[in-house]
Amino acid sequence: MINDREAFVYVTETEDSPVYGIIYVNLAKNPDETFQVGDKVKVGYNGTVQGTAPLTITTLTVELVE
């Protein structure tokens, strides 16, 4: 799901990130970008993950990745 202010994204498991799965991301942190379903994004967060379903983070930055 995606709209102009929020998205549920699927984060793949990596060695340097303990967070993976479906996560809520606040897209309003980058109002200059238009995000589309299927985009790859890089998300910065404050390190805290709320154990809700889906997982929720405090988004600090979000940007498109090539």
N, C-alpha and C. Protein backbone atom coordinates (compact mmCIF):
# COMPACT_ATOMS: atom_id res chain seq x y z
N MET A 1 0.84 -1.18 0.00
CA MET A 1 0.00 0.00 0.00
C MET A 1 0.89 1.24 0.00
N ILE A 2 0.46 2.25 -0.73
CA ILE A 2 1.21 3.50 -0.77
C ILE A 2 0.24 4.64 -1.02
N ASN A 3 0.47 5.75 -0.35
CA ASN A 3 -0.23 6.99 -0.68
C ASN A 3 0.76 8.13 -0.52
N ASP A 4 0.32 9.35 -0.58
CA ASP A 4 1.27 10.47 -0.61
C ASP A 4 2.00 10.71 0.70
N ARG A 5 1.59 10.07 1.77
CA ARG A 5 2.22 10.32 3.06
C ARG A 5 2.74 9.08 3.77
N GLU A 6 2.32 7.90 3.36
CA GLU A 6 2.74 6.70 4.06
C GLU A 6 2.76 5.50 3.13
N ALA A 7 3.50 4.48 3.56
CA ALA A 7 3.56 3.24 2.78
C ALA A 7 3.87 2.09 3.70
N PHE A 8 3.44 0.94 3.30
CA PHE A 8 3.87 -0.29 3.94
C PHE A 8 4.89 -0.90 2.99
N VAL A 9 6.11 -1.05 3.44
CA VAL A 9 7.17 -1.53 2.57
C VAL A 9 7.66 -2.89 3.05
N TYR A 10 8.19 -3.67 2.11
CA TYR A 10 8.78 -4.95 2.46
C TYR A 10 10.29 -4.76 2.51
N VAL A 11 10.87 -5.01 3.66
CA VAL A 11 12.30 -4.86 3.87
C VAL A 11 12.93 -6.26 3.85
N THR A 12 13.91 -6.45 2.97
CA THR A 12 14.58 -7.74 2.89
C THR A 12 15.60 -7.87 4.01
N GLU A 13 15.85 -9.08 4.42
CA GLU A 13 16.80 -9.35 5.49
C GLU A 13 18.22 -9.13 4.98
N THR A 14 19.03 -8.39 5.76
CA THR A 14 20.43 -8.16 5.42
C THR A 14 21.28 -8.38 6.66
N GLU A 15 22.58 -8.53 6.45
CA GLU A 15 23.49 -8.75 7.57
C GLU A 15 23.56 -7.56 8.51
N ASP A 16 23.49 -6.34 7.96
CA ASP A 16 23.68 -5.15 8.78
C ASP A 16 22.38 -4.53 9.27
N SER A 17 21.25 -5.21 9.12
CA SER A 17 19.98 -4.68 9.61
C SER A 17 19.17 -5.78 10.27
N PRO A 18 18.85 -5.61 11.54
CA PRO A 18 18.04 -6.62 12.23
C PRO A 18 16.55 -6.48 11.92
N VAL A 19 16.18 -5.44 11.17
CA VAL A 19 14.77 -5.16 10.88
C VAL A 19 14.45 -5.64 9.47
N TYR A 20 13.44 -6.49 9.35
CA TYR A 20 12.99 -6.93 8.03
C TYR A 20 11.55 -7.38 8.12
N GLY A 21 10.90 -7.45 6.98
CA GLY A 21 9.48 -7.79 6.90
C GLY A 21 8.70 -6.58 6.44
N ILE A 22 7.41 -6.57 6.74
CA ILE A 22 6.55 -5.45 6.35
C ILE A 22 6.62 -4.37 7.43
N ILE A 23 6.95 -3.15 7.00
CA ILE A 23 7.18 -2.05 7.94
C ILE A 23 6.47 -0.80 7.44
N TYR A 24 5.86 -0.05 8.36
CA TYR A 24 5.22 1.23 8.05
C TYR A 24 6.30 2.29 7.93
N VAL A 25 6.27 3.08 6.83
CA VAL A 25 7.24 4.15 6.59
C VAL A 25 6.48 5.44 6.31
N ASN A 26 6.92 6.53 6.93
CA ASN A 26 6.34 7.85 6.73
C ASN A 26 7.01 8.52 5.54
N LEU A 27 6.34 8.55 4.40
CA LEU A 27 6.90 9.14 3.19
C LEU A 27 6.93 10.66 3.22
N ALA A 28 6.20 11.28 4.13
CA ALA A 28 6.16 12.73 4.22
C ALA A 28 7.52 13.32 4.61
N LYS A 29 8.46 12.48 5.03
CA LYS A 29 9.80 12.96 5.37
C LYS A 29 10.57 13.42 4.14
N ASN A 30 10.06 13.07 2.94
CA ASN A 30 10.68 13.54 1.70
C ASN A 30 9.57 14.07 0.79
N PRO A 31 9.07 15.28 1.04
CA PRO A 31 7.94 15.80 0.28
C PRO A 31 8.28 16.16 -1.17
N ASP A 32 9.57 16.20 -1.50
CA ASP A 32 9.98 16.56 -2.86
C ASP A 32 9.98 15.38 -3.82
N GLU A 33 9.76 14.17 -3.31
CA GLU A 33 9.81 12.96 -4.12
C GLU A 33 8.43 12.35 -4.26
N THR A 34 8.15 11.77 -5.43
CA THR A 34 6.91 11.02 -5.64
C THR A 34 7.28 9.55 -5.69
N PHE A 35 6.73 8.78 -4.77
CA PHE A 35 7.02 7.37 -4.67
C PHE A 35 5.94 6.56 -5.35
N GLN A 36 6.33 5.45 -5.97
CA GLN A 36 5.41 4.57 -6.67
C GLN A 36 5.57 3.15 -6.11
N VAL A 37 4.52 2.34 -6.24
CA VAL A 37 4.60 0.93 -5.86
C VAL A 37 5.71 0.29 -6.69
N GLY A 38 6.58 -0.46 -6.05
CA GLY A 38 7.69 -1.12 -6.73
C GLY A 38 9.01 -0.38 -6.61
N ASP A 39 8.98 0.89 -6.15
CA ASP A 39 10.22 1.65 -5.95
C ASP A 39 11.07 1.00 -4.86
N LYS A 40 12.38 1.10 -5.01
CA LYS A 40 13.30 0.72 -3.95
C LYS A 40 13.66 2.00 -3.22
N VAL A 41 13.61 1.94 -1.89
CA VAL A 41 13.88 3.13 -1.09
C VAL A 41 14.90 2.81 0.00
N LYS A 42 15.60 3.85 0.40
CA LYS A 42 16.50 3.78 1.54
C LYS A 42 15.86 4.61 2.65
N VAL A 43 15.70 3.99 3.81
CA VAL A 43 15.00 4.64 4.92
C VAL A 43 15.94 4.76 6.11
N GLY A 44 16.02 5.97 6.66
CA GLY A 44 16.73 6.18 7.91
C GLY A 44 15.71 6.27 9.03
N TYR A 45 16.02 5.65 10.16
CA TYR A 45 15.10 5.69 11.29
C TYR A 45 15.88 5.84 12.58
N ASN A 46 15.19 6.10 13.68
CA ASN A 46 15.86 6.42 14.94
C ASN A 46 16.37 5.20 15.71
N GLY A 47 16.25 4.01 15.13
CA GLY A 47 16.76 2.81 15.77
C GLY A 47 15.74 2.05 16.60
N THR A 48 14.58 2.64 16.80
CA THR A 48 13.53 1.99 17.58
C THR A 48 12.50 1.39 16.66
N VAL A 49 12.12 0.13 16.95
CA VAL A 49 11.09 -0.56 16.18
C VAL A 49 9.97 -0.91 17.14
N GLN A 50 8.78 -0.45 16.82
CA GLN A 50 7.62 -0.76 17.65
C GLN A 50 7.09 -2.12 17.23
N GLY A 51 6.87 -2.99 18.19
CA GLY A 51 6.45 -4.35 17.92
C GLY A 51 4.98 -4.48 17.60
N THR A 52 4.51 -3.66 16.69
CA THR A 52 3.12 -3.71 16.26
C THR A 52 3.04 -4.56 14.99
N ALA A 53 1.86 -4.79 14.53
CA ALA A 53 1.67 -5.50 13.26
C ALA A 53 0.94 -4.58 12.31
N PRO A 54 1.57 -4.10 11.24
CA PRO A 54 2.96 -4.33 10.88
C PRO A 54 3.90 -3.53 11.78
N LEU A 55 5.19 -3.83 11.69
CA LEU A 55 6.19 -3.10 12.45
C LEU A 55 6.13 -1.62 12.10
N THR A 56 6.41 -0.78 13.07
CA THR A 56 6.41 0.67 12.86
C THR A 56 7.74 1.24 13.33
N ILE A 57 8.29 2.14 12.52
CA ILE A 57 9.53 2.84 12.89
C ILE A 57 9.26 4.34 12.86
N THR A 58 10.13 5.09 13.51
CA THR A 58 10.10 6.54 13.40
C THR A 58 11.01 6.91 12.24
N THR A 59 10.41 7.24 11.11
CA THR A 59 11.15 7.55 9.89
C THR A 59 11.82 8.90 10.03
N LEU A 60 13.14 8.94 9.76
CA LEU A 60 13.89 10.20 9.78
C LEU A 60 14.14 10.68 8.36
N THR A 61 14.48 9.75 7.45
CA THR A 61 14.72 10.09 6.04
C THR A 61 14.18 8.97 5.17
N VAL A 62 13.83 9.33 3.94
CA VAL A 62 13.44 8.33 2.95
C VAL A 62 13.82 8.87 1.58
N GLU A 63 14.48 8.03 0.78
CA GLU A 63 14.91 8.46 -0.55
C GLU A 63 14.84 7.28 -1.53
N LEU A 64 14.68 7.60 -2.80
CA LEU A 64 14.67 6.58 -3.83
C LEU A 64 16.08 6.04 -4.04
N VAL A 65 16.17 4.74 -4.37
CA VAL A 65 17.43 4.09 -4.67
C VAL A 65 17.35 3.60 -6.10
N GLU A 66 18.41 3.78 -6.86
CA GLU A 66 18.44 3.33 -8.26
C GLU A 66 18.47 1.83 -8.33
